[in-house]
Amino acid sequence: MARVTNGPAKNRRKKRLRKAAKGYWGGHSRLHKVLKENLHKALQYAYKGRKLKKRTFRSTWIVRLTAAAQERGLSYSRFMNGIKKAKIDLDRKQLSELAIADPKAFDAVFAKAQAALA
């Protein structure tokens, strides 16, 4: 009687990991133990990166809005306070895009925000 191994299933699992590690340098894409460690770390970085991306974009929008508000004579915090008081339901992303793509529309929003402060 022959000894039963888990060879085919194990090879399928390894193949799946190798495919995911395609493009890694040297043994990082070929040696199973190293490959597994690197893949695990890569997935951790990817998870963390998805969270950091949101943070980075928000700070970019704030920098843009700060510049746009200061050009028109208000600080960022006073501008955002005016936006809230005027009950304008635009988020930072939309305001940032407006400031870049359509300055006239942004001027109108800015005027409403400034009027709400007074």
PDB file of N, CA and C in Angstrom:
ATOM      1  N   MET A   1       0.836  -1.184   0.000  1.00  0.00           N
ATOM      2  CA  MET A   1       0.000   0.000   0.000  1.00  0.00           C
ATOM      3  C   MET A   1       0.888   1.258   0.000  1.00  0.00           C
ATOM      4  N   ALA A   2       0.543   2.242  -0.841  1.00  0.00           N
ATOM      5  CA  ALA A   2       1.350   3.457  -0.974  1.00  0.00           C
ATOM      6  C   ALA A   2       0.969   4.482   0.091  1.00  0.00           C
ATOM      7  N   ARG A   3       1.935   5.257   0.461  1.00  0.00           N
ATOM      8  CA  ARG A   3       1.704   6.308   1.453  1.00  0.00           C
ATOM      9  C   ARG A   3       0.930   7.446   0.796  1.00  0.00           C
ATOM     10  N   VAL A   4      -0.118   7.913   1.469  1.00  0.00           N
ATOM     11  CA  VAL A   4      -0.950   8.993   0.916  1.00  0.00           C
ATOM     12  C   VAL A   4      -0.370  10.331   1.368  1.00  0.00           C
ATOM     13  N   THR A   5      -0.139  11.210   0.386  1.00  0.00           N
ATOM     14  CA  THR A   5       0.368  12.556   0.716  1.00  0.00           C
ATOM     15  C   THR A   5      -0.645  13.591   0.275  1.00  0.00           C
ATOM     16  N   ASN A   6      -0.395  14.791   0.660  1.00  0.00           N
ATOM     17  CA  ASN A   6      -1.289  15.894   0.315  1.00  0.00           C
ATOM     18  C   ASN A   6      -0.652  16.714  -0.809  1.00  0.00           C
ATOM     19  N   GLY A   7       0.174  16.055  -1.638  1.00  0.00           N
ATOM     20  CA  GLY A   7       0.961  16.731  -2.665  1.00  0.00           C
ATOM     21  C   GLY A   7       0.207  17.644  -3.603  1.00  0.00           C
ATOM     22  N   PRO A   8      -0.812  17.142  -4.305  1.00  0.00           N
ATOM     23  CA  PRO A   8      -1.514  18.000  -5.276  1.00  0.00           C
ATOM     24  C   PRO A   8      -2.137  19.245  -4.652  1.00  0.00           C
ATOM     25  N   ALA A   9      -2.757  19.078  -3.493  1.00  0.00           N
ATOM     26  CA  ALA A   9      -3.394  20.221  -2.825  1.00  0.00           C
ATOM     27  C   ALA A   9      -2.343  21.227  -2.370  1.00  0.00           C
ATOM     28  N   LYS A  10      -1.233  20.699  -1.827  1.00  0.00           N
ATOM     29  CA  LYS A  10      -0.152  21.576  -1.365  1.00  0.00           C
ATOM     30  C   LYS A  10       0.430  22.362  -2.539  1.00  0.00           C
ATOM     31  N   ASN A  11       0.615  21.682  -3.669  1.00  0.00           N
ATOM     32  CA  ASN A  11       1.156  22.355  -4.854  1.00  0.00           C
ATOM     33  C   ASN A  11       0.218  23.438  -5.376  1.00  0.00           C
ATOM     34  N   ARG A  12      -1.094  23.179  -5.302  1.00  0.00           N
ATOM     35  CA  ARG A  12      -2.069  24.197  -5.727  1.00  0.00           C
ATOM     36  C   ARG A  12      -1.976  25.431  -4.836  1.00  0.00           C
ATOM     37  N   ARG A  13      -1.855  25.194  -3.514  1.00  0.00           N
ATOM     38  CA  ARG A  13      -1.735  26.318  -2.575  1.00  0.00           C
ATOM     39  C   ARG A  13      -0.478  27.120  -2.855  1.00  0.00           C
ATOM     40  N   LYS A  14       0.630  26.417  -3.061  1.00  0.00           N
ATOM     41  CA  LYS A  14       1.896  27.096  -3.340  1.00  0.00           C
ATOM     42  C   LYS A  14       1.826  27.854  -4.661  1.00  0.00           C
ATOM     43  N   LYS A  15       1.169  27.261  -5.649  1.00  0.00           N
ATOM     44  CA  LYS A  15       1.044  27.885  -6.965  1.00  0.00           C
ATOM     45  C   LYS A  15       0.272  29.204  -6.845  1.00  0.00           C
ATOM     46  N   ARG A  16      -0.787  29.176  -6.043  1.00  0.00           N
ATOM     47  CA  ARG A  16      -1.607  30.373  -5.841  1.00  0.00           C
ATOM     48  C   ARG A  16      -0.771  31.495  -5.203  1.00  0.00           C
ATOM     49  N   LEU A  17       0.054  31.137  -4.232  1.00  0.00           N
ATOM     50  CA  LEU A  17       0.916  32.129  -3.579  1.00  0.00           C
ATOM     51  C   LEU A  17       1.991  32.638  -4.536  1.00  0.00           C
ATOM     52  N   ARG A  18       2.563  31.711  -5.316  1.00  0.00           N
ATOM     53  CA  ARG A  18       3.593  32.122  -6.288  1.00  0.00           C
ATOM     54  C   ARG A  18       3.036  33.097  -7.305  1.00  0.00           C
ATOM     55  N   LYS A  19       1.802  32.840  -7.716  1.00  0.00           N
ATOM     56  CA  LYS A  19       1.158  33.721  -8.692  1.00  0.00           C
ATOM     57  C   LYS A  19       0.959  35.121  -8.091  1.00  0.00           C
ATOM     58  N   ALA A  20       0.596  35.168  -6.812  1.00  0.00           N
ATOM     59  CA  ALA A  20       0.388  36.456  -6.134  1.00  0.00           C
ATOM     60  C   ALA A  20       1.704  37.201  -5.945  1.00  0.00           C
ATOM     61  N   ALA A  21       2.818  36.458  -5.833  1.00  0.00           N
ATOM     62  CA  ALA A  21       4.131  37.059  -5.598  1.00  0.00           C
ATOM     63  C   ALA A  21       4.891  37.297  -6.894  1.00  0.00           C
ATOM     64  N   LYS A  22       4.205  37.208  -8.027  1.00  0.00           N
ATOM     65  CA  LYS A  22       4.861  37.391  -9.321  1.00  0.00           C
ATOM     66  C   LYS A  22       5.455  38.799  -9.388  1.00  0.00           C
ATOM     67  N   GLY A  23       6.694  38.864  -9.871  1.00  0.00           N
ATOM     68  CA  GLY A  23       7.349  40.161  -9.991  1.00  0.00           C
ATOM     69  C   GLY A  23       8.247  40.484  -8.809  1.00  0.00           C
ATOM     70  N   TYR A  24       8.173  39.700  -7.738  1.00  0.00           N
ATOM     71  CA  TYR A  24       9.068  39.922  -6.612  1.00  0.00           C
ATOM     72  C   TYR A  24      10.467  39.513  -7.038  1.00  0.00           C
ATOM     73  N   TRP A  25      11.471  40.105  -6.438  1.00  0.00           N
ATOM     74  CA  TRP A  25      12.854  39.932  -6.854  1.00  0.00           C
ATOM     75  C   TRP A  25      13.462  38.646  -6.286  1.00  0.00           C
ATOM     76  N   GLY A  26      14.157  37.897  -7.125  1.00  0.00           N
ATOM     77  CA  GLY A  26      14.936  36.726  -6.702  1.00  0.00           C
ATOM     78  C   GLY A  26      14.118  35.687  -5.966  1.00  0.00           C
ATOM     79  N   GLY A  27      14.677  35.233  -4.846  1.00  0.00           N
ATOM     80  CA  GLY A  27      14.047  34.187  -4.053  1.00  0.00           C
ATOM     81  C   GLY A  27      12.721  34.618  -3.444  1.00  0.00           C
ATOM     82  N   HIS A  28      12.469  35.900  -3.430  1.00  0.00           N
ATOM     83  CA  HIS A  28      11.222  36.415  -2.867  1.00  0.00           C
ATOM     84  C   HIS A  28      10.010  35.949  -3.670  1.00  0.00           C
ATOM     85  N   SER A  29      10.249  35.517  -4.907  1.00  0.00           N
ATOM     86  CA  SER A  29       9.136  35.008  -5.709  1.00  0.00           C
ATOM     87  C   SER A  29       9.222  33.493  -5.894  1.00  0.00           C
ATOM     88  N   ARG A  30      10.286  32.853  -5.365  1.00  0.00           N
ATOM     89  CA  ARG A  30      10.474  31.424  -5.598  1.00  0.00           C
ATOM     90  C   ARG A  30      10.548  30.579  -4.326  1.00  0.00           C
ATOM     91  N   LEU A  31      11.191  31.088  -3.278  1.00  0.00           N
ATOM     92  CA  LEU A  31      11.343  30.314  -2.045  1.00  0.00           C
ATOM     93  C   LEU A  31      10.083  30.463  -1.206  1.00  0.00           C
ATOM     94  N   HIS A  32       9.432  29.354  -0.927  1.00  0.00           N
ATOM     95  CA  HIS A  32       8.088  29.385  -0.349  1.00  0.00           C
ATOM     96  C   HIS A  32       8.007  30.167   0.963  1.00  0.00           C
ATOM     97  N   LYS A  33       8.926  29.915   1.880  1.00  0.00           N
ATOM     98  CA  LYS A  33       8.856  30.572   3.184  1.00  0.00           C
ATOM     99  C   LYS A  33       9.047  32.088   3.048  1.00  0.00           C
ATOM    100  N   VAL A  34      10.040  32.487   2.280  1.00  0.00           N
ATOM    101  CA  VAL A  34      10.332  33.908   2.070  1.00  0.00           C
ATOM    102  C   VAL A  34       9.172  34.568   1.326  1.00  0.00           C
ATOM    103  N   LEU A  35       8.677  33.883   0.328  1.00  0.00           N
ATOM    104  CA  LEU A  35       7.556  34.365  -0.482  1.00  0.00           C
ATOM    105  C   LEU A  35       6.335  34.637   0.393  1.00  0.00           C
ATOM    106  N   LYS A  36       6.028  33.696   1.284  1.00  0.00           N
ATOM    107  CA  LYS A  36       4.865  33.839   2.165  1.00  0.00           C
ATOM    108  C   LYS A  36       5.008  35.049   3.083  1.00  0.00           C
ATOM    109  N   GLU A  37       6.204  35.219   3.646  1.00  0.00           N
ATOM    110  CA  GLU A  37       6.452  36.348   4.546  1.00  0.00           C
ATOM    111  C   GLU A  37       6.295  37.677   3.802  1.00  0.00           C
ATOM    112  N   ASN A  38       6.879  37.739   2.604  1.00  0.00           N
ATOM    113  CA  ASN A  38       6.826  38.976   1.818  1.00  0.00           C
ATOM    114  C   ASN A  38       5.410  39.294   1.360  1.00  0.00           C
ATOM    115  N   LEU A  39       4.676  38.278   0.995  1.00  0.00           N
ATOM    116  CA  LEU A  39       3.295  38.462   0.561  1.00  0.00           C
ATOM    117  C   LEU A  39       2.440  38.974   1.721  1.00  0.00           C
ATOM    118  N   HIS A  40       2.656  38.386   2.894  1.00  0.00           N
ATOM    119  CA  HIS A  40       1.919  38.802   4.088  1.00  0.00           C
ATOM    120  C   HIS A  40       2.205  40.271   4.392  1.00  0.00           C
ATOM    121  N   LYS A  41       3.477  40.651   4.329  1.00  0.00           N
ATOM    122  CA  LYS A  41       3.869  42.032   4.604  1.00  0.00           C
ATOM    123  C   LYS A  41       3.283  42.976   3.549  1.00  0.00           C
ATOM    124  N   ALA A  42       3.291  42.540   2.290  1.00  0.00           N
ATOM    125  CA  ALA A  42       2.748  43.360   1.205  1.00  0.00           C
ATOM    126  C   ALA A  42       1.263  43.624   1.418  1.00  0.00           C
ATOM    127  N   LEU A  43       0.542  42.607   1.873  1.00  0.00           N
ATOM    128  CA  LEU A  43      -0.892  42.774   2.127  1.00  0.00           C
ATOM    129  C   LEU A  43      -1.130  43.716   3.303  1.00  0.00           C
ATOM    130  N   GLN A  44      -0.242  43.673   4.301  1.00  0.00           N
ATOM    131  CA  GLN A  44      -0.351  44.603   5.430  1.00  0.00           C
ATOM    132  C   GLN A  44      -0.133  46.041   4.950  1.00  0.00           C
ATOM    133  N   TYR A  45       0.890  46.236   4.111  1.00  0.00           N
ATOM    134  CA  TYR A  45       1.163  47.571   3.577  1.00  0.00           C
ATOM    135  C   TYR A  45       0.004  48.068   2.718  1.00  0.00           C
ATOM    136  N   ALA A  46      -0.595  47.167   1.950  1.00  0.00           N
ATOM    137  CA  ALA A  46      -1.713  47.540   1.087  1.00  0.00           C
ATOM    138  C   ALA A  46      -2.901  48.004   1.921  1.00  0.00           C
ATOM    139  N   TYR A  47      -3.171  47.299   3.006  1.00  0.00           N
ATOM    140  CA  TYR A  47      -4.278  47.664   3.900  1.00  0.00           C
ATOM    141  C   TYR A  47      -4.025  49.038   4.502  1.00  0.00           C
ATOM    142  N   LYS A  48      -2.807  49.203   5.012  1.00  0.00           N
ATOM    143  CA  LYS A  48      -2.429  50.470   5.636  1.00  0.00           C
ATOM    144  C   LYS A  48      -2.481  51.603   4.610  1.00  0.00           C
ATOM    145  N   GLY A  49      -2.025  51.303   3.391  1.00  0.00           N
ATOM    146  CA  GLY A  49      -2.000  52.302   2.329  1.00  0.00           C
ATOM    147  C   GLY A  49      -3.376  52.803   1.949  1.00  0.00           C
ATOM    148  N   ARG A  50      -4.358  51.898   1.995  1.00  0.00           N
ATOM    149  CA  ARG A  50      -5.730  52.320   1.662  1.00  0.00           C
ATOM    150  C   ARG A  50      -6.252  53.314   2.683  1.00  0.00           C
ATOM    151  N   LYS A  51      -5.839  53.179   3.930  1.00  0.00           N
ATOM    152  CA  LYS A  51      -6.256  54.128   4.975  1.00  0.00           C
ATOM    153  C   LYS A  51      -5.489  55.454   4.821  1.00  0.00           C
ATOM    154  N   LEU A  52      -4.186  55.345   4.547  1.00  0.00           N
ATOM    155  CA  LEU A  52      -3.350  56.541   4.408  1.00  0.00           C
ATOM    156  C   LEU A  52      -3.761  57.388   3.213  1.00  0.00           C
ATOM    157  N   LYS A  53      -4.239  56.726   2.164  1.00  0.00           N
ATOM    158  CA  LYS A  53      -4.632  57.439   0.946  1.00  0.00           C
ATOM    159  C   LYS A  53      -5.743  58.448   1.256  1.00  0.00           C
ATOM    160  N   LYS A  54      -6.692  58.047   2.065  1.00  0.00           N
ATOM    161  CA  LYS A  54      -7.802  58.928   2.435  1.00  0.00           C
ATOM    162  C   LYS A  54      -7.282  60.146   3.199  1.00  0.00           C
ATOM    163  N   ARG A  55      -6.345  59.896   4.108  1.00  0.00           N
ATOM    164  CA  ARG A  55      -5.747  60.962   4.909  1.00  0.00           C
ATOM    165  C   ARG A  55      -4.994  61.953   4.026  1.00  0.00           C
ATOM    166  N   THR A  56      -4.227  61.401   3.088  1.00  0.00           N
ATOM    167  CA  THR A  56      -3.410  62.224   2.193  1.00  0.00           C
ATOM    168  C   THR A  56      -4.281  63.103   1.309  1.00  0.00           C
ATOM    169  N   PHE A  57      -5.336  62.518   0.752  1.00  0.00           N
ATOM    170  CA  PHE A  57      -6.224  63.299  -0.108  1.00  0.00           C
ATOM    171  C   PHE A  57      -6.892  64.420   0.672  1.00  0.00           C
ATOM    172  N   ARG A  58      -7.355  64.121   1.877  1.00  0.00           N
ATOM    173  CA  ARG A  58      -8.014  65.147   2.685  1.00  0.00           C
ATOM    174  C   ARG A  58      -7.060  66.308   2.945  1.00  0.00           C
ATOM    175  N   SER A  59      -5.807  66.012   3.267  1.00  0.00           N
ATOM    176  CA  SER A  59      -4.850  67.094   3.532  1.00  0.00           C
ATOM    177  C   SER A  59      -4.565  67.891   2.262  1.00  0.00           C
ATOM    178  N   THR A  60      -4.577  67.229   1.101  1.00  0.00           N
ATOM    179  CA  THR A  60      -4.385  67.919  -0.178  1.00  0.00           C
ATOM    180  C   THR A  60      -5.530  68.903  -0.420  1.00  0.00           C
ATOM    181  N   TRP A  61      -6.762  68.445  -0.173  1.00  0.00           N
ATOM    182  CA  TRP A  61      -7.914  69.329  -0.371  1.00  0.00           C
ATOM    183  C   TRP A  61      -7.839  70.530   0.565  1.00  0.00           C
ATOM    184  N   ILE A  62      -7.402  70.294   1.794  1.00  0.00           N
ATOM    185  CA  ILE A  62      -7.309  71.385   2.771  1.00  0.00           C
ATOM    186  C   ILE A  62      -6.261  72.399   2.340  1.00  0.00           C
ATOM    187  N   VAL A  63      -5.126  71.925   1.815  1.00  0.00           N
ATOM    188  CA  VAL A  63      -4.078  72.839   1.330  1.00  0.00           C
ATOM    189  C   VAL A  63      -4.620  73.690   0.189  1.00  0.00           C
ATOM    190  N   ARG A  64      -5.340  73.067  -0.736  1.00  0.00           N
ATOM    191  CA  ARG A  64      -5.916  73.803  -1.869  1.00  0.00           C
ATOM    192  C   ARG A  64      -6.916  74.850  -1.397  1.00  0.00           C
ATOM    193  N   LEU A  65      -7.784  74.454  -0.454  1.00  0.00           N
ATOM    194  CA  LEU A  65      -8.803  75.385   0.044  1.00  0.00           C
ATOM    195  C   LEU A  65      -8.179  76.525   0.835  1.00  0.00           C
ATOM    196  N   THR A  66      -7.123  76.227   1.569  1.00  0.00           N
ATOM    197  CA  THR A  66      -6.406  77.262   2.309  1.00  0.00           C
ATOM    198  C   THR A  66      -5.882  78.323   1.346  1.00  0.00           C
ATOM    199  N   ALA A  67      -5.256  77.874   0.264  1.00  0.00           N
ATOM    200  CA  ALA A  67      -4.705  78.798  -0.732  1.00  0.00           C
ATOM    201  C   ALA A  67      -5.824  79.617  -1.373  1.00  0.00           C
ATOM    202  N   ALA A  68      -6.919  78.962  -1.740  1.00  0.00           N
ATOM    203  CA  ALA A  68      -8.031  79.651  -2.399  1.00  0.00           C
ATOM    204  C   ALA A  68      -8.683  80.664  -1.457  1.00  0.00           C
ATOM    205  N   ALA A  69      -8.843  80.293  -0.189  1.00  0.00           N
ATOM    206  CA  ALA A  69      -9.473  81.195   0.780  1.00  0.00           C
ATOM    207  C   ALA A  69      -8.571  82.390   1.079  1.00  0.00           C
ATOM    208  N   GLN A  70      -7.267  82.138   1.200  1.00  0.00           N
ATOM    209  CA  GLN A  70      -6.344  83.239   1.507  1.00  0.00           C
ATOM    210  C   GLN A  70      -6.223  84.220   0.355  1.00  0.00           C
ATOM    211  N   GLU A  71      -6.346  83.729  -0.886  1.00  0.00           N
ATOM    212  CA  GLU A  71      -6.353  84.628  -2.048  1.00  0.00           C
ATOM    213  C   GLU A  71      -7.511  85.613  -1.967  1.00  0.00           C
ATOM    214  N   ARG A  72      -8.606  85.146  -1.355  1.00  0.00           N
ATOM    215  CA  ARG A  72      -9.815  85.964  -1.277  1.00  0.00           C
ATOM    216  C   ARG A  72      -9.951  86.670   0.065  1.00  0.00           C
ATOM    217  N   GLY A  73      -8.965  86.524   0.933  1.00  0.00           N
ATOM    218  CA  GLY A  73      -8.920  87.315   2.168  1.00  0.00           C
ATOM    219  C   GLY A  73      -9.473  86.674   3.425  1.00  0.00           C
ATOM    220  N   LEU A  74      -9.575  85.362   3.472  1.00  0.00           N
ATOM    221  CA  LEU A  74     -10.011  84.677   4.691  1.00  0.00           C
ATOM    222  C   LEU A  74      -9.073  83.521   4.986  1.00  0.00           C
ATOM    223  N   SER A  75      -9.000  83.161   6.262  1.00  0.00           N
ATOM    224  CA  SER A  75      -8.223  81.964   6.598  1.00  0.00           C
ATOM    225  C   SER A  75      -9.096  80.740   6.315  1.00  0.00           C
ATOM    226  N   TYR A  76      -8.466  79.592   6.252  1.00  0.00           N
ATOM    227  CA  TYR A  76      -9.183  78.344   5.977  1.00  0.00           C
ATOM    228  C   TYR A  76     -10.241  78.081   7.037  1.00  0.00           C
ATOM    229  N   SER A  77      -9.872  78.239   8.302  1.00  0.00           N
ATOM    230  CA  SER A  77     -10.808  77.907   9.382  1.00  0.00           C
ATOM    231  C   SER A  77     -12.015  78.852   9.377  1.00  0.00           C
ATOM    232  N   ARG A  78     -11.792  80.130   9.109  1.00  0.00           N
ATOM    233  CA  ARG A  78     -12.909  81.091   9.030  1.00  0.00           C
ATOM    234  C   ARG A  78     -13.796  80.760   7.823  1.00  0.00           C
ATOM    235  N   PHE A  79     -13.174  80.389   6.724  1.00  0.00           N
ATOM    236  CA  PHE A  79     -13.928  80.014   5.518  1.00  0.00           C
ATOM    237  C   PHE A  79     -14.820  78.809   5.792  1.00  0.00           C
ATOM    238  N   MET A  80     -14.261  77.772   6.413  1.00  0.00           N
ATOM    239  CA  MET A  80     -15.033  76.560   6.708  1.00  0.00           C
ATOM    240  C   MET A  80     -16.143  76.859   7.727  1.00  0.00           C
ATOM    241  N   ASN A  81     -15.865  77.747   8.658  1.00  0.00           N
ATOM    242  CA  ASN A  81     -16.880  78.165   9.618  1.00  0.00           C
ATOM    243  C   ASN A  81     -18.031  78.855   8.883  1.00  0.00           C
ATOM    244  N   GLY A  82     -17.692  79.704   7.926  1.00  0.00           N
ATOM    245  CA  GLY A  82     -18.703  80.381   7.120  1.00  0.00           C
ATOM    246  C   GLY A  82     -19.530  79.401   6.299  1.00  0.00           C
ATOM    247  N   ILE A  83     -18.861  78.386   5.755  1.00  0.00           N
ATOM    248  CA  ILE A  83     -19.552  77.351   4.973  1.00  0.00           C
ATOM    249  C   ILE A  83     -20.592  76.636   5.838  1.00  0.00           C
ATOM    250  N   LYS A  84     -20.196  76.313   7.059  1.00  0.00           N
ATOM    251  CA  LYS A  84     -21.110  75.615   7.972  1.00  0.00           C
ATOM    252  C   LYS A  84     -22.270  76.512   8.388  1.00  0.00           C
ATOM    253  N   LYS A  85     -21.971  77.776   8.684  1.00  0.00           N
ATOM    254  CA  LYS A  85     -23.024  78.722   9.096  1.00  0.00           C
ATOM    255  C   LYS A  85     -23.992  79.008   7.958  1.00  0.00           C
ATOM    256  N   ALA A  86     -23.475  79.018   6.717  1.00  0.00           N
ATOM    257  CA  ALA A  86     -24.328  79.264   5.550  1.00  0.00           C
ATOM    258  C   ALA A  86     -25.098  78.008   5.136  1.00  0.00           C
ATOM    259  N   LYS A  87     -24.839  76.896   5.852  1.00  0.00           N
ATOM    260  CA  LYS A  87     -25.490  75.600   5.569  1.00  0.00           C
ATOM    261  C   LYS A  87     -25.272  75.159   4.121  1.00  0.00           C
ATOM    262  N   ILE A  88     -24.038  75.292   3.663  1.00  0.00           N
ATOM    263  CA  ILE A  88     -23.652  74.834   2.322  1.00  0.00           C
ATOM    264  C   ILE A  88     -23.155  73.403   2.459  1.00  0.00           C
ATOM    265  N   ASP A  89     -23.834  72.476   1.790  1.00  0.00           N
ATOM    266  CA  ASP A  89     -23.510  71.045   1.929  1.00  0.00           C
ATOM    267  C   ASP A  89     -22.528  70.581   0.863  1.00  0.00           C
ATOM    268  N   LEU A  90     -21.358  71.191   0.835  1.00  0.00           N
ATOM    269  CA  LEU A  90     -20.287  70.744  -0.054  1.00  0.00           C
ATOM    270  C   LEU A  90     -19.133  70.293   0.823  1.00  0.00           C
ATOM    271  N   ASP A  91     -18.576  69.125   0.512  1.00  0.00           N
ATOM    272  CA  ASP A  91     -17.429  68.667   1.298  1.00  0.00           C
ATOM    273  C   ASP A  91     -16.132  69.273   0.757  1.00  0.00           C
ATOM    274  N   ARG A  92     -15.050  68.978   1.429  1.00  0.00           N
ATOM    275  CA  ARG A  92     -13.761  69.577   1.066  1.00  0.00           C
ATOM    276  C   ARG A  92     -13.323  69.189  -0.343  1.00  0.00           C
ATOM    277  N   LYS A  93     -13.625  67.954  -0.724  1.00  0.00           N
ATOM    278  CA  LYS A  93     -13.253  67.490  -2.066  1.00  0.00           C
ATOM    279  C   LYS A  93     -13.978  68.309  -3.127  1.00  0.00           C
ATOM    280  N   GLN A  94     -15.275  68.481  -2.961  1.00  0.00           N
ATOM    281  CA  GLN A  94     -16.073  69.227  -3.928  1.00  0.00           C
ATOM    282  C   GLN A  94     -15.642  70.694  -3.977  1.00  0.00           C
ATOM    283  N   LEU A  95     -15.400  71.282  -2.807  1.00  0.00           N
ATOM    284  CA  LEU A  95     -14.964  72.679  -2.755  1.00  0.00           C
ATOM    285  C   LEU A  95     -13.615  72.853  -3.439  1.00  0.00           C
ATOM    286  N   SER A  96     -12.721  71.894  -3.206  1.00  0.00           N
ATOM    287  CA  SER A  96     -11.391  71.945  -3.815  1.00  0.00           C
ATOM    288  C   SER A  96     -11.482  71.873  -5.334  1.00  0.00           C
ATOM    289  N   GLU A  97     -12.294  70.949  -5.833  1.00  0.00           N
ATOM    290  CA  GLU A  97     -12.485  70.819  -7.280  1.00  0.00           C
ATOM    291  C   GLU A  97     -13.106  72.078  -7.860  1.00  0.00           C
ATOM    292  N   LEU A  98     -14.037  72.671  -7.123  1.00  0.00           N
ATOM    293  CA  LEU A  98     -14.695  73.902  -7.555  1.00  0.00           C
ATOM    294  C   LEU A  98     -13.686  75.043  -7.652  1.00  0.00           C
ATOM    295  N   ALA A  99     -12.807  75.131  -6.659  1.00  0.00           N
ATOM    296  CA  ALA A  99     -11.801  76.197  -6.633  1.00  0.00           C
ATOM    297  C   ALA A  99     -10.858  76.098  -7.829  1.00  0.00           C
ATOM    298  N   ILE A 100     -10.557  74.871  -8.257  1.00  0.00           N
ATOM    299  CA  ILE A 100      -9.632  74.678  -9.380  1.00  0.00           C
ATOM    300  C   ILE A 100     -10.348  74.798 -10.723  1.00  0.00           C
ATOM    301  N   ALA A 101     -11.464  74.084 -10.868  1.00  0.00           N
ATOM    302  CA  ALA A 101     -12.128  73.971 -12.172  1.00  0.00           C
ATOM    303  C   ALA A 101     -13.030  75.157 -12.508  1.00  0.00           C
ATOM    304  N   ASP A 102     -13.685  75.720 -11.494  1.00  0.00           N
ATOM    305  CA  ASP A 102     -14.658  76.786 -11.752  1.00  0.00           C
ATOM    306  C   ASP A 102     -14.527  77.897 -10.706  1.00  0.00           C
ATOM    307  N   PRO A 103     -13.528  78.777 -10.858  1.00  0.00           N
ATOM    308  CA  PRO A 103     -13.286  79.827  -9.857  1.00  0.00           C
ATOM    309  C   PRO A 103     -14.475  80.769  -9.646  1.00  0.00           C
ATOM    310  N   LYS A 104     -15.266  81.005 -10.702  1.00  0.00           N
ATOM    311  CA  LYS A 104     -16.431  81.908 -10.554  1.00  0.00           C
ATOM    312  C   LYS A 104     -17.469  81.303  -9.612  1.00  0.00           C
ATOM    313  N   ALA A 105     -17.712  80.021  -9.761  1.00  0.00           N
ATOM    314  CA  ALA A 105     -18.655  79.335  -8.866  1.00  0.00           C
ATOM    315  C   ALA A 105     -18.108  79.324  -7.442  1.00  0.00           C
ATOM    316  N   PHE A 106     -16.798  79.121  -7.318  1.00  0.00           N
ATOM    317  CA  PHE A 106     -16.181  79.129  -5.988  1.00  0.00           C
ATOM    318  C   PHE A 106     -16.313  80.516  -5.359  1.00  0.00           C
ATOM    319  N   ASP A 107     -16.165  81.578  -6.184  1.00  0.00           N
ATOM    320  CA  ASP A 107     -16.327  82.947  -5.676  1.00  0.00           C
ATOM    321  C   ASP A 107     -17.730  83.152  -5.112  1.00  0.00           C
ATOM    322  N   ALA A 108     -18.730  82.581  -5.797  1.00  0.00           N
ATOM    323  CA  ALA A 108     -20.116  82.697  -5.330  1.00  0.00           C
ATOM    324  C   ALA A 108     -20.295  81.989  -3.987  1.00  0.00           C
ATOM    325  N   VAL A 109     -19.732  80.797  -3.870  1.00  0.00           N
ATOM    326  CA  VAL A 109     -19.801  80.043  -2.612  1.00  0.00           C
ATOM    327  C   VAL A 109     -19.056  80.809  -1.516  1.00  0.00           C
ATOM    328  N   PHE A 110     -17.905  81.355  -1.878  1.00  0.00           N
ATOM    329  CA  PHE A 110     -17.092  82.112  -0.920  1.00  0.00           C
ATOM    330  C   PHE A 110     -17.859  83.332  -0.411  1.00  0.00           C
ATOM    331  N   ALA A 111     -18.546  84.023  -1.331  1.00  0.00           N
ATOM    332  CA  ALA A 111     -19.312  85.213  -0.945  1.00  0.00           C
ATOM    333  C   ALA A 111     -20.411  84.842   0.045  1.00  0.00           C
ATOM    334  N   LYS A 112     -21.109  83.706  -0.189  1.00  0.00           N
ATOM    335  CA  LYS A 112     -22.154  83.250   0.743  1.00  0.00           C
ATOM    336  C   LYS A 112     -21.558  82.914   2.110  1.00  0.00           C
ATOM    337  N   ALA A 113     -20.403  82.260   2.099  1.00  0.00           N
ATOM    338  CA  ALA A 113     -19.744  81.888   3.350  1.00  0.00           C
ATOM    339  C   ALA A 113     -19.321  83.136   4.114  1.00  0.00           C
ATOM    340  N   GLN A 114     -18.802  84.131   3.378  1.00  0.00           N
ATOM    341  CA  GLN A 114     -18.352  85.377   4.021  1.00  0.00           C
ATOM    342  C   GLN A 114     -19.539  86.145   4.584  1.00  0.00           C
ATOM    343  N   ALA A 115     -20.666  86.139   3.845  1.00  0.00           N
ATOM    344  CA  ALA A 115     -21.881  86.822   4.305  1.00  0.00           C
ATOM    345  C   ALA A 115     -22.427  86.164   5.572  1.00  0.00           C
ATOM    346  N   ALA A 116     -22.302  84.858   5.674  1.00  0.00           N
ATOM    347  CA  ALA A 116     -22.787  84.136   6.843  1.00  0.00           C
ATOM    348  C   ALA A 116     -21.972  84.461   8.084  1.00  0.00           C
ATOM    349  N   LEU A 117     -20.704  84.841   7.890  1.00  0.00           N
ATOM    350  CA  LEU A 117     -19.846  85.204   9.026  1.00  0.00           C
ATOM    351  C   LEU A 117     -20.194  86.569   9.588  1.00  0.00           C
ATOM    352  N   ALA A 118     -20.660  87.462   8.728  1.00  0.00           N
ATOM    353  CA  ALA A 118     -20.928  88.838   9.151  1.00  0.00           C
ATOM    354  C   ALA A 118     -22.201  88.977   9.957  1.00  0.00           C
TER     355      ALA A 118
END
